[in-house]
PDB file of N, CA and C in Angstrom:
ATOM      1  N   MET A   1      23.214  -7.694 -17.682  1.00  0.00           N
ATOM      2  CA  MET A   1      21.836  -7.750 -17.247  1.00  0.00           C
ATOM      3  C   MET A   1      21.358  -6.317 -17.053  1.00  0.00           C
ATOM      4  N   ARG A   2      20.323  -5.948 -17.732  1.00  0.00           N
ATOM      5  CA  ARG A   2      19.842  -4.569 -17.700  1.00  0.00           C
ATOM      6  C   ARG A   2      18.570  -4.474 -16.863  1.00  0.00           C
ATOM      7  N   ASP A   3      18.718  -4.443 -15.562  1.00  0.00           N
ATOM      8  CA  ASP A   3      17.579  -4.306 -14.670  1.00  0.00           C
ATOM      9  C   ASP A   3      17.593  -2.917 -14.075  1.00  0.00           C
ATOM     10  N   ASN A   4      16.477  -2.225 -14.205  1.00  0.00           N
ATOM     11  CA  ASN A   4      16.380  -0.866 -13.726  1.00  0.00           C
ATOM     12  C   ASN A   4      15.639  -0.845 -12.401  1.00  0.00           C
ATOM     13  N   VAL A   5      16.327  -0.494 -11.343  1.00  0.00           N
ATOM     14  CA  VAL A   5      15.735  -0.478 -10.009  1.00  0.00           C
ATOM     15  C   VAL A   5      14.736   0.662  -9.867  1.00  0.00           C
ATOM     16  N   LYS A   6      14.893   1.720 -10.608  1.00  0.00           N
ATOM     17  CA  LYS A   6      14.063   2.912 -10.425  1.00  0.00           C
ATOM     18  C   LYS A   6      12.800   2.859 -11.277  1.00  0.00           C
ATOM     19  N   GLY A   7      11.999   1.817 -11.079  1.00  0.00           N
ATOM     20  CA  GLY A   7      10.705   1.757 -11.726  1.00  0.00           C
ATOM     21  C   GLY A   7      10.692   1.103 -13.085  1.00  0.00           C
ATOM     22  N   GLY A   8      11.861   0.766 -13.616  1.00  0.00           N
ATOM     23  CA  GLY A   8      11.901   0.125 -14.917  1.00  0.00           C
ATOM     24  C   GLY A   8      11.701  -1.371 -14.794  1.00  0.00           C
ATOM     25  N   ALA A   9      11.634  -2.015 -15.924  1.00  0.00           N
ATOM     26  CA  ALA A   9      11.374  -3.446 -15.962  1.00  0.00           C
ATOM     27  C   ALA A   9      12.614  -4.260 -15.626  1.00  0.00           C
ATOM     28  N   LEU A  10      12.389  -5.379 -14.956  1.00  0.00           N
ATOM     29  CA  LEU A  10      13.443  -6.376 -14.788  1.00  0.00           C
ATOM     30  C   LEU A  10      13.492  -7.209 -16.058  1.00  0.00           C
ATOM     31  N   THR A  11      14.621  -7.829 -16.311  1.00  0.00           N
ATOM     32  CA  THR A  11      14.640  -8.804 -17.393  1.00  0.00           C
ATOM     33  C   THR A  11      13.816  -9.997 -16.922  1.00  0.00           C
ATOM     34  N   GLU A  12      13.291 -10.740 -17.874  1.00  0.00           N
ATOM     35  CA  GLU A  12      12.481 -11.903 -17.537  1.00  0.00           C
ATOM     36  C   GLU A  12      13.309 -12.932 -16.762  1.00  0.00           C
ATOM     37  N   VAL A  13      14.545 -13.116 -17.164  1.00  0.00           N
ATOM     38  CA  VAL A  13      15.431 -14.066 -16.485  1.00  0.00           C
ATOM     39  C   VAL A  13      15.626 -13.653 -15.031  1.00  0.00           C
ATOM     40  N   THR A  14      15.908 -12.397 -14.790  1.00  0.00           N
ATOM     41  CA  THR A  14      16.092 -11.914 -13.423  1.00  0.00           C
ATOM     42  C   THR A  14      14.851 -12.166 -12.589  1.00  0.00           C
ATOM     43  N   PHE A  15      13.689 -11.860 -13.144  1.00  0.00           N
ATOM     44  CA  PHE A  15      12.448 -12.046 -12.399  1.00  0.00           C
ATOM     45  C   PHE A  15      12.254 -13.516 -12.034  1.00  0.00           C
ATOM     46  N   PHE A  16      12.495 -14.414 -12.976  1.00  0.00           N
ATOM     47  CA  PHE A  16      12.332 -15.840 -12.690  1.00  0.00           C
ATOM     48  C   PHE A  16      13.362 -16.342 -11.678  1.00  0.00           C
ATOM     49  N   ILE A  17      14.580 -15.825 -11.720  1.00  0.00           N
ATOM     50  CA  ILE A  17      15.573 -16.224 -10.718  1.00  0.00           C
ATOM     51  C   ILE A  17      15.117 -15.780  -9.329  1.00  0.00           C
ATOM     52  N   LEU A  18      14.629 -14.555  -9.223  1.00  0.00           N
ATOM     53  CA  LEU A  18      14.125 -14.082  -7.936  1.00  0.00           C
ATOM     54  C   LEU A  18      12.966 -14.948  -7.452  1.00  0.00           C
ATOM     55  N   LEU A  19      12.058 -15.307  -8.344  1.00  0.00           N
ATOM     56  CA  LEU A  19      10.935 -16.167  -7.966  1.00  0.00           C
ATOM     57  C   LEU A  19      11.432 -17.531  -7.485  1.00  0.00           C
ATOM     58  N   ALA A  20      12.402 -18.078  -8.188  1.00  0.00           N
ATOM     59  CA  ALA A  20      12.950 -19.386  -7.802  1.00  0.00           C
ATOM     60  C   ALA A  20      13.522 -19.342  -6.389  1.00  0.00           C
ATOM     61  N   LEU A  21      14.109 -18.214  -6.030  1.00  0.00           N
ATOM     62  CA  LEU A  21      14.844 -18.136  -4.774  1.00  0.00           C
ATOM     63  C   LEU A  21      13.990 -17.714  -3.587  1.00  0.00           C
ATOM     64  N   TYR A  22      12.661 -17.785  -3.741  1.00  0.00           N
ATOM     65  CA  TYR A  22      11.805 -17.657  -2.563  1.00  0.00           C
ATOM     66  C   TYR A  22      12.006 -18.870  -1.658  1.00  0.00           C
ATOM     67  N   GLU A  23      12.621 -19.924  -2.203  1.00  0.00           N
ATOM     68  CA  GLU A  23      13.095 -21.067  -1.429  1.00  0.00           C
ATOM     69  C   GLU A  23      14.578 -21.221  -1.742  1.00  0.00           C
ATOM     70  N   LYS A  24      15.373 -21.614  -0.762  1.00  0.00           N
ATOM     71  CA  LYS A  24      16.809 -21.746  -1.045  1.00  0.00           C
ATOM     72  C   LYS A  24      17.010 -22.821  -2.107  1.00  0.00           C
ATOM     73  N   MET A  25      17.938 -22.543  -3.002  1.00  0.00           N
ATOM     74  CA  MET A  25      18.120 -23.416  -4.158  1.00  0.00           C
ATOM     75  C   MET A  25      19.529 -23.249  -4.699  1.00  0.00           C
ATOM     76  N   HIS A  26      20.056 -24.315  -5.275  1.00  0.00           N
ATOM     77  CA  HIS A  26      21.357 -24.259  -5.936  1.00  0.00           C
ATOM     78  C   HIS A  26      21.149 -23.953  -7.422  1.00  0.00           C
ATOM     79  N   GLY A  27      22.243 -23.678  -8.107  1.00  0.00           N
ATOM     80  CA  GLY A  27      22.184 -23.237  -9.496  1.00  0.00           C
ATOM     81  C   GLY A  27      21.410 -24.159 -10.418  1.00  0.00           C
ATOM     82  N   TYR A  28      21.672 -25.457 -10.342  1.00  0.00           N
ATOM     83  CA  TYR A  28      20.981 -26.388 -11.227  1.00  0.00           C
ATOM     84  C   TYR A  28      19.478 -26.394 -10.944  1.00  0.00           C
ATOM     85  N   GLY A  29      19.115 -26.277  -9.674  1.00  0.00           N
ATOM     86  CA  GLY A  29      17.700 -26.202  -9.310  1.00  0.00           C
ATOM     87  C   GLY A  29      17.035 -24.963  -9.900  1.00  0.00           C
ATOM     88  N   ILE A  30      17.765 -23.847  -9.910  1.00  0.00           N
ATOM     89  CA  ILE A  30      17.238 -22.613 -10.507  1.00  0.00           C
ATOM     90  C   ILE A  30      17.016 -22.821 -12.002  1.00  0.00           C
ATOM     91  N   MET A  31      17.986 -23.440 -12.658  1.00  0.00           N
ATOM     92  CA  MET A  31      17.856 -23.698 -14.099  1.00  0.00           C
ATOM     93  C   MET A  31      16.625 -24.558 -14.377  1.00  0.00           C
ATOM     94  N   GLN A  32      16.398 -25.582 -13.569  1.00  0.00           N
ATOM     95  CA  GLN A  32      15.240 -26.448 -13.741  1.00  0.00           C
ATOM     96  C   GLN A  32      13.938 -25.694 -13.486  1.00  0.00           C
ATOM     97  N   PHE A  33      13.923 -24.865 -12.434  1.00  0.00           N
ATOM     98  CA  PHE A  33      12.743 -24.070 -12.093  1.00  0.00           C
ATOM     99  C   PHE A  33      12.339 -23.180 -13.268  1.00  0.00           C
ATOM    100  N   VAL A  34      13.308 -22.450 -13.799  1.00  0.00           N
ATOM    101  CA  VAL A  34      13.019 -21.518 -14.899  1.00  0.00           C
ATOM    102  C   VAL A  34      12.511 -22.269 -16.125  1.00  0.00           C
ATOM    103  N   GLU A  35      13.158 -23.354 -16.479  1.00  0.00           N
ATOM    104  CA  GLU A  35      12.723 -24.126 -17.642  1.00  0.00           C
ATOM    105  C   GLU A  35      11.308 -24.675 -17.436  1.00  0.00           C
ATOM    106  N   GLU A  36      11.042 -25.193 -16.247  1.00  0.00           N
ATOM    107  CA  GLU A  36       9.722 -25.764 -15.966  1.00  0.00           C
ATOM    108  C   GLU A  36       8.632 -24.698 -15.974  1.00  0.00           C
ATOM    109  N   LYS A  37       8.862 -23.599 -15.281  1.00  0.00           N
ATOM    110  CA  LYS A  37       7.839 -22.559 -15.143  1.00  0.00           C
ATOM    111  C   LYS A  37       7.562 -21.830 -16.453  1.00  0.00           C
ATOM    112  N   THR A  38       8.508 -21.861 -17.379  1.00  0.00           N
ATOM    113  CA  THR A  38       8.289 -21.204 -18.679  1.00  0.00           C
ATOM    114  C   THR A  38       7.943 -22.218 -19.770  1.00  0.00           C
ATOM    115  N   GLY A  39       7.731 -23.459 -19.396  1.00  0.00           N
ATOM    116  CA  GLY A  39       7.411 -24.481 -20.386  1.00  0.00           C
ATOM    117  C   GLY A  39       8.524 -24.679 -21.403  1.00  0.00           C
ATOM    118  N   GLY A  40       9.764 -24.455 -20.988  1.00  0.00           N
ATOM    119  CA  GLY A  40      10.906 -24.627 -21.871  1.00  0.00           C
ATOM    120  C   GLY A  40      11.211 -23.428 -22.750  1.00  0.00           C
ATOM    121  N   ARG A  41      10.442 -22.360 -22.605  1.00  0.00           N
ATOM    122  CA  ARG A  41      10.669 -21.148 -23.410  1.00  0.00           C
ATOM    123  C   ARG A  41      11.978 -20.468 -23.027  1.00  0.00           C
ATOM    124  N   LEU A  42      12.315 -20.513 -21.745  1.00  0.00           N
ATOM    125  CA  LEU A  42      13.597 -19.971 -21.269  1.00  0.00           C
ATOM    126  C   LEU A  42      14.444 -21.113 -20.744  1.00  0.00           C
ATOM    127  N   ILE A  43      15.631 -21.239 -21.275  1.00  0.00           N
ATOM    128  CA  ILE A  43      16.582 -22.238 -20.796  1.00  0.00           C
ATOM    129  C   ILE A  43      17.885 -21.506 -20.495  1.00  0.00           C
ATOM    130  N   LEU A  44      18.310 -21.579 -19.244  1.00  0.00           N
ATOM    131  CA  LEU A  44      19.515 -20.867 -18.825  1.00  0.00           C
ATOM    132  C   LEU A  44      20.733 -21.757 -18.942  1.00  0.00           C
ATOM    133  N   GLY A  45      21.772 -21.236 -19.537  1.00  0.00           N
ATOM    134  CA  GLY A  45      23.061 -21.916 -19.534  1.00  0.00           C
ATOM    135  C   GLY A  45      23.785 -21.585 -18.245  1.00  0.00           C
ATOM    136  N   ALA A  46      24.750 -22.413 -17.880  1.00  0.00           N
ATOM    137  CA  ALA A  46      25.475 -22.220 -16.621  1.00  0.00           C
ATOM    138  C   ALA A  46      26.171 -20.863 -16.568  1.00  0.00           C
ATOM    139  N   GLY A  47      26.817 -20.468 -17.669  1.00  0.00           N
ATOM    140  CA  GLY A  47      27.523 -19.188 -17.679  1.00  0.00           C
ATOM    141  C   GLY A  47      26.588 -18.010 -17.463  1.00  0.00           C
ATOM    142  N   SER A  48      25.464 -18.019 -18.137  1.00  0.00           N
ATOM    143  CA  SER A  48      24.478 -16.941 -17.975  1.00  0.00           C
ATOM    144  C   SER A  48      23.918 -16.913 -16.564  1.00  0.00           C
ATOM    145  N   LEU A  49      23.605 -18.101 -16.046  1.00  0.00           N
ATOM    146  CA  LEU A  49      23.027 -18.179 -14.708  1.00  0.00           C
ATOM    147  C   LEU A  49      23.997 -17.658 -13.662  1.00  0.00           C
ATOM    148  N   TYR A  50      25.233 -18.129 -13.681  1.00  0.00           N
ATOM    149  CA  TYR A  50      26.165 -17.731 -12.631  1.00  0.00           C
ATOM    150  C   TYR A  50      26.576 -16.272 -12.761  1.00  0.00           C
ATOM    151  N   GLY A  51      26.591 -15.743 -13.973  1.00  0.00           N
ATOM    152  CA  GLY A  51      26.795 -14.301 -14.141  1.00  0.00           C
ATOM    153  C   GLY A  51      25.653 -13.518 -13.521  1.00  0.00           C
ATOM    154  N   ALA A  52      24.424 -13.985 -13.751  1.00  0.00           N
ATOM    155  CA  ALA A  52      23.243 -13.328 -13.177  1.00  0.00           C
ATOM    156  C   ALA A  52      23.259 -13.425 -11.653  1.00  0.00           C
ATOM    157  N   LEU A  53      23.604 -14.594 -11.117  1.00  0.00           N
ATOM    158  CA  LEU A  53      23.650 -14.757  -9.663  1.00  0.00           C
ATOM    159  C   LEU A  53      24.668 -13.817  -9.032  1.00  0.00           C
ATOM    160  N   ASN A  54      25.826 -13.667  -9.660  1.00  0.00           N
ATOM    161  CA  ASN A  54      26.836 -12.728  -9.141  1.00  0.00           C
ATOM    162  C   ASN A  54      26.303 -11.303  -9.154  1.00  0.00           C
ATOM    163  N   ASN A  55      25.653 -10.928 -10.249  1.00  0.00           N
ATOM    164  CA  ASN A  55      25.084  -9.587 -10.378  1.00  0.00           C
ATOM    165  C   ASN A  55      24.017  -9.344  -9.309  1.00  0.00           C
ATOM    166  N   LEU A  56      23.140 -10.319  -9.096  1.00  0.00           N
ATOM    167  CA  LEU A  56      22.075 -10.165  -8.112  1.00  0.00           C
ATOM    168  C   LEU A  56      22.630 -10.110  -6.692  1.00  0.00           C
ATOM    169  N   GLN A  57      23.721 -10.819  -6.435  1.00  0.00           N
ATOM    170  CA  GLN A  57      24.376 -10.719  -5.123  1.00  0.00           C
ATOM    171  C   GLN A  57      24.953  -9.328  -4.911  1.00  0.00           C
ATOM    172  N   GLU A  58      25.587  -8.787  -5.954  1.00  0.00           N
ATOM    173  CA  GLU A  58      26.163  -7.443  -5.851  1.00  0.00           C
ATOM    174  C   GLU A  58      25.094  -6.399  -5.561  1.00  0.00           C
ATOM    175  N   LYS A  59      23.892  -6.595  -6.106  1.00  0.00           N
ATOM    176  CA  LYS A  59      22.780  -5.665  -5.872  1.00  0.00           C
ATOM    177  C   LYS A  59      22.133  -5.869  -4.511  1.00  0.00           C
ATOM    178  N   GLY A  60      22.456  -6.984  -3.858  1.00  0.00           N
ATOM    179  CA  GLY A  60      21.867  -7.277  -2.563  1.00  0.00           C
ATOM    180  C   GLY A  60      20.480  -7.897  -2.662  1.00  0.00           C
ATOM    181  N   TRP A  61      20.123  -8.414  -3.836  1.00  0.00           N
ATOM    182  CA  TRP A  61      18.789  -8.996  -4.048  1.00  0.00           C
ATOM    183  C   TRP A  61      18.736 -10.465  -3.660  1.00  0.00           C
ATOM    184  N   ILE A  62      19.879 -11.140  -3.662  1.00  0.00           N
ATOM    185  CA  ILE A  62      19.976 -12.530  -3.227  1.00  0.00           C
ATOM    186  C   ILE A  62      21.229 -12.668  -2.382  1.00  0.00           C
ATOM    187  N   SER A  63      21.289 -13.749  -1.622  1.00  0.00           N
ATOM    188  CA  SER A  63      22.514 -14.014  -0.867  1.00  0.00           C
ATOM    189  C   SER A  63      22.768 -15.511  -0.843  1.00  0.00           C
ATOM    190  N   PRO A  64      24.049 -15.892  -0.748  1.00  0.00           N
ATOM    191  CA  PRO A  64      24.368 -17.313  -0.645  1.00  0.00           C
ATOM    192  C   PRO A  64      23.971 -17.846   0.725  1.00  0.00           C
ATOM    193  N   VAL A  65      23.627 -19.122   0.761  1.00  0.00           N
ATOM    194  CA  VAL A  65      23.292 -19.796   2.014  1.00  0.00           C
ATOM    195  C   VAL A  65      24.393 -20.818   2.256  1.00  0.00           C
ATOM    196  N   ASP A  66      25.059 -20.694   3.378  1.00  0.00           N
ATOM    197  CA  ASP A  66      26.128 -21.642   3.696  1.00  0.00           C
ATOM    198  C   ASP A  66      25.712 -22.467   4.893  1.00  0.00           C
ATOM    199  N   ASP A  67      25.294 -23.694   4.623  1.00  0.00           N
ATOM    200  CA  ASP A  67      24.921 -24.572   5.728  1.00  0.00           C
ATOM    201  C   ASP A  67      26.037 -25.567   6.050  1.00  0.00           C
ATOM    202  N   GLY A  68      27.138 -25.485   5.298  1.00  0.00           N
ATOM    203  CA  GLY A  68      28.271 -26.360   5.553  1.00  0.00           C
ATOM    204  C   GLY A  68      28.086 -27.793   5.096  1.00  0.00           C
ATOM    205  N   LYS A  69      26.973 -28.094   4.448  1.00  0.00           N
ATOM    206  CA  LYS A  69      26.689 -29.457   3.995  1.00  0.00           C
ATOM    207  C   LYS A  69      26.802 -29.529   2.478  1.00  0.00           C
ATOM    208  N   GLY A  70      27.820 -30.177   2.008  1.00  0.00           N
ATOM    209  CA  GLY A  70      27.927 -30.372   0.563  1.00  0.00           C
ATOM    210  C   GLY A  70      28.628 -29.241  -0.140  1.00  0.00           C
ATOM    211  N   ARG A  71      28.863 -29.449  -1.429  1.00  0.00           N
ATOM    212  CA  ARG A  71      29.624 -28.471  -2.197  1.00  0.00           C
ATOM    213  C   ARG A  71      28.768 -27.586  -3.059  1.00  0.00           C
ATOM    214  N   LYS A  72      27.498 -27.901  -3.225  1.00  0.00           N
ATOM    215  CA  LYS A  72      26.646 -27.060  -4.062  1.00  0.00           C
ATOM    216  C   LYS A  72      26.264 -25.794  -3.306  1.00  0.00           C
ATOM    217  N   LYS A  73      26.554 -24.663  -3.895  1.00  0.00           N
ATOM    218  CA  LYS A  73      26.244 -23.388  -3.271  1.00  0.00           C
ATOM    219  C   LYS A  73      24.758 -23.100  -3.471  1.00  0.00           C
ATOM    220  N   GLU A  74      24.085 -22.780  -2.380  1.00  0.00           N
ATOM    221  CA  GLU A  74      22.666 -22.441  -2.455  1.00  0.00           C
ATOM    222  C   GLU A  74      22.490 -20.941  -2.243  1.00  0.00           C
ATOM    223  N   TYR A  75      21.385 -20.439  -2.761  1.00  0.00           N
ATOM    224  CA  TYR A  75      21.074 -19.010  -2.686  1.00  0.00           C
ATOM    225  C   TYR A  75      19.650 -18.846  -2.177  1.00  0.00           C
ATOM    226  N   ILE A  76      19.362 -17.657  -1.655  1.00  0.00           N
ATOM    227  CA  ILE A  76      18.015 -17.311  -1.203  1.00  0.00           C
ATOM    228  C   ILE A  76      17.782 -15.828  -1.499  1.00  0.00           C
ATOM    229  N   ILE A  77      16.542 -15.462  -1.757  1.00  0.00           N
ATOM    230  CA  ILE A  77      16.204 -14.056  -2.008  1.00  0.00           C
ATOM    231  C   ILE A  77      16.297 -13.273  -0.692  1.00  0.00           C
ATOM    232  N   THR A  78      16.739 -12.040  -0.761  1.00  0.00           N
ATOM    233  CA  THR A  78      16.817 -11.169   0.415  1.00  0.00           C
ATOM    234  C   THR A  78      15.521 -10.362   0.522  1.00  0.00           C
ATOM    235  N   GLU A  79      15.392  -9.635   1.600  1.00  0.00           N
ATOM    236  CA  GLU A  79      14.208  -8.774   1.763  1.00  0.00           C
ATOM    237  C   GLU A  79      14.171  -7.718   0.654  1.00  0.00           C
ATOM    238  N   LEU A  80      15.326  -7.159   0.311  1.00  0.00           N
ATOM    239  CA  LEU A  80      15.383  -6.200  -0.794  1.00  0.00           C
ATOM    240  C   LEU A  80      14.959  -6.865  -2.100  1.00  0.00           C
ATOM    241  N   GLY A  81      15.412  -8.089  -2.327  1.00  0.00           N
ATOM    242  CA  GLY A  81      15.017  -8.828  -3.519  1.00  0.00           C
ATOM    243  C   GLY A  81      13.517  -9.064  -3.571  1.00  0.00           C
ATOM    244  N   ARG A  82      12.909  -9.345  -2.417  1.00  0.00           N
ATOM    245  CA  ARG A  82      11.449  -9.526  -2.361  1.00  0.00           C
ATOM    246  C   ARG A  82      10.729  -8.237  -2.748  1.00  0.00           C
ATOM    247  N   GLU A  83      11.232  -7.111  -2.254  1.00  0.00           N
ATOM    248  CA  GLU A  83      10.633  -5.817  -2.597  1.00  0.00           C
ATOM    249  C   GLU A  83      10.725  -5.564  -4.101  1.00  0.00           C
ATOM    250  N   VAL A  84      11.873  -5.886  -4.688  1.00  0.00           N
ATOM    251  CA  VAL A  84      12.071  -5.704  -6.128  1.00  0.00           C
ATOM    252  C   VAL A  84      11.115  -6.607  -6.911  1.00  0.00           C
ATOM    253  N   ALA A  85      10.981  -7.866  -6.491  1.00  0.00           N
ATOM    254  CA  ALA A  85      10.078  -8.801  -7.177  1.00  0.00           C
ATOM    255  C   ALA A  85       8.626  -8.341  -7.070  1.00  0.00           C
ATOM    256  N   LYS A  86       8.230  -7.865  -5.901  1.00  0.00           N
ATOM    257  CA  LYS A  86       6.852  -7.378  -5.717  1.00  0.00           C
ATOM    258  C   LYS A  86       6.593  -6.144  -6.581  1.00  0.00           C
ATOM    259  N   ALA A  87       7.567  -5.254  -6.665  1.00  0.00           N
ATOM    260  CA  ALA A  87       7.426  -4.061  -7.504  1.00  0.00           C
ATOM    261  C   ALA A  87       7.283  -4.459  -8.972  1.00  0.00           C
ATOM    262  N   GLU A  88       8.030  -5.480  -9.394  1.00  0.00           N
ATOM    263  CA  GLU A  88       7.928  -5.952 -10.781  1.00  0.00           C
ATOM    264  C   GLU A  88       6.563  -6.567 -11.043  1.00  0.00           C
ATOM    265  N   LEU A  89       6.037  -7.330 -10.086  1.00  0.00           N
ATOM    266  CA  LEU A  89       4.707  -7.907 -10.245  1.00  0.00           C
ATOM    267  C   LEU A  89       3.661  -6.803 -10.388  1.00  0.00           C
ATOM    268  N   LEU A  90       3.743  -5.776  -9.579  1.00  0.00           N
ATOM    269  CA  LEU A  90       2.816  -4.648  -9.672  1.00  0.00           C
ATOM    270  C   LEU A  90       2.943  -3.960 -11.033  1.00  0.00           C
ATOM    271  N   ARG A  91       4.181  -3.762 -11.502  1.00  0.00           N
ATOM    272  CA  ARG A  91       4.394  -3.137 -12.808  1.00  0.00           C
ATOM    273  C   ARG A  91       3.750  -3.968 -13.904  1.00  0.00           C
ATOM    274  N   MET A  92       3.905  -5.287 -13.838  1.00  0.00           N
ATOM    275  CA  MET A  92       3.323  -6.153 -14.863  1.00  0.00           C
ATOM    276  C   MET A  92       1.802  -6.160 -14.800  1.00  0.00           C
ATOM    277  N   LYS A  93       1.228  -6.123 -13.595  1.00  0.00           N
ATOM    278  CA  LYS A  93      -0.230  -6.067 -13.469  1.00  0.00           C
ATOM    279  C   LYS A  93      -0.775  -4.797 -14.108  1.00  0.00           C
ATOM    280  N   GLU A  94      -0.105  -3.674 -13.869  1.00  0.00           N
ATOM    281  CA  GLU A  94      -0.526  -2.409 -14.473  1.00  0.00           C
ATOM    282  C   GLU A  94      -0.425  -2.472 -15.993  1.00  0.00           C
ATOM    283  N   LEU A  95       0.612  -3.122 -16.502  1.00  0.00           N
ATOM    284  CA  LEU A  95       0.791  -3.306 -17.935  1.00  0.00           C
ATOM    285  C   LEU A  95      -0.356  -4.121 -18.527  1.00  0.00           C
ATOM    286  N   VAL A  96      -0.736  -5.192 -17.848  1.00  0.00           N
ATOM    287  CA  VAL A  96      -1.829  -6.049 -18.329  1.00  0.00           C
ATOM    288  C   VAL A  96      -3.144  -5.276 -18.335  1.00  0.00           C
ATOM    289  N   ILE A  97      -3.406  -4.518 -17.297  1.00  0.00           N
ATOM    290  CA  ILE A  97      -4.641  -3.730 -17.237  1.00  0.00           C
ATOM    291  C   ILE A  97      -4.713  -2.763 -18.409  1.00  0.00           C
ATOM    292  N   THR A  98      -3.619  -2.060 -18.663  1.00  0.00           N
ATOM    293  CA  THR A  98      -3.587  -1.112 -19.782  1.00  0.00           C
ATOM    294  C   THR A  98      -3.777  -1.827 -21.113  1.00  0.00           C
ATOM    295  N   ALA A  99      -3.082  -2.949 -21.302  1.00  0.00           N
ATOM    296  CA  ALA A  99      -3.193  -3.700 -22.552  1.00  0.00           C
ATOM    297  C   ALA A  99      -4.605  -4.225 -22.751  1.00  0.00           C
ATOM    298  N   GLU A 100      -5.239  -4.726 -21.689  1.00  0.00           N
ATOM    299  CA  GLU A 100      -6.608  -5.240 -21.825  1.00  0.00           C
ATOM    300  C   GLU A 100      -7.580  -4.115 -22.165  1.00  0.00           C
ATOM    301  N   GLN A 101      -7.349  -2.925 -21.650  1.00  0.00           N
ATOM    302  CA  GLN A 101      -8.203  -1.792 -21.983  1.00  0.00           C
ATOM    303  C   GLN A 101      -8.107  -1.451 -23.469  1.00  0.00           C
ATOM    304  N   ILE A 102      -6.938  -1.640 -24.039  1.00  0.00           N
ATOM    305  CA  ILE A 102      -6.720  -1.299 -25.447  1.00  0.00           C
ATOM    306  C   ILE A 102      -7.082  -2.460 -26.361  1.00  0.00           C
ATOM    307  N   ILE A 103      -6.592  -3.650 -26.046  1.00  0.00           N
ATOM    308  CA  ILE A 103      -6.786  -4.811 -26.912  1.00  0.00           C
ATOM    309  C   ILE A 103      -8.096  -5.516 -26.611  1.00  0.00           C
ATOM    310  N   GLY A 104      -8.463  -5.511 -25.359  1.00  0.00           N
ATOM    311  CA  GLY A 104      -9.623  -6.281 -24.907  1.00  0.00           C
ATOM    312  C   GLY A 104      -9.136  -7.503 -24.171  1.00  0.00           C
ATOM    313  N   GLY A 105      -9.970  -8.023 -23.273  1.00  0.00           N
ATOM    314  CA  GLY A 105      -9.556  -9.128 -22.443  1.00  0.00           C
ATOM    315  C   GLY A 105      -9.757 -10.491 -23.063  1.00  0.00           C
ATOM    316  N   ASP A 106     -10.580 -10.566 -24.118  1.00  0.00           N
ATOM    317  CA  ASP A 106     -10.864 -11.863 -24.745  1.00  0.00           C
ATOM    318  C   ASP A 106      -9.886 -12.104 -25.876  1.00  0.00           C
ATOM    319  N   LEU A 107      -8.962 -13.037 -25.666  1.00  0.00           N
ATOM    320  CA  LEU A 107      -7.910 -13.282 -26.656  1.00  0.00           C
ATOM    321  C   LEU A 107      -8.244 -14.421 -27.604  1.00  0.00           C
ATOM    322  N   GLU A 108      -9.420 -14.966 -27.542  1.00  0.00           N
ATOM    323  CA  GLU A 108      -9.759 -16.089 -28.437  1.00  0.00           C
ATOM    324  C   GLU A 108     -10.340 -15.619 -29.735  1.00  0.00           C
TER     325      GLU A 108
END
């Protein structure tokens, strides 16, 4: 996963995982969230998802939630993860503004 913390772009998958985890969620729920929110354009396999979750935990952007109920591991975004997601949203807004200035805002 090539996510650049120093002002660079997050991967789309990383951004959607962070968005999903604004509410605590288990892996399958994250997979469903991403597929639904992208209209099926992004579909995460279990191996890719759990690799990404491990990476995001190592960065401190998400953390596991242990409520002791059940075997499905749930995750939640951390405060650092929220800051990263907000920075990515700002970066994308700036990108859209620049693109609209060049291409124009009417895409029809």
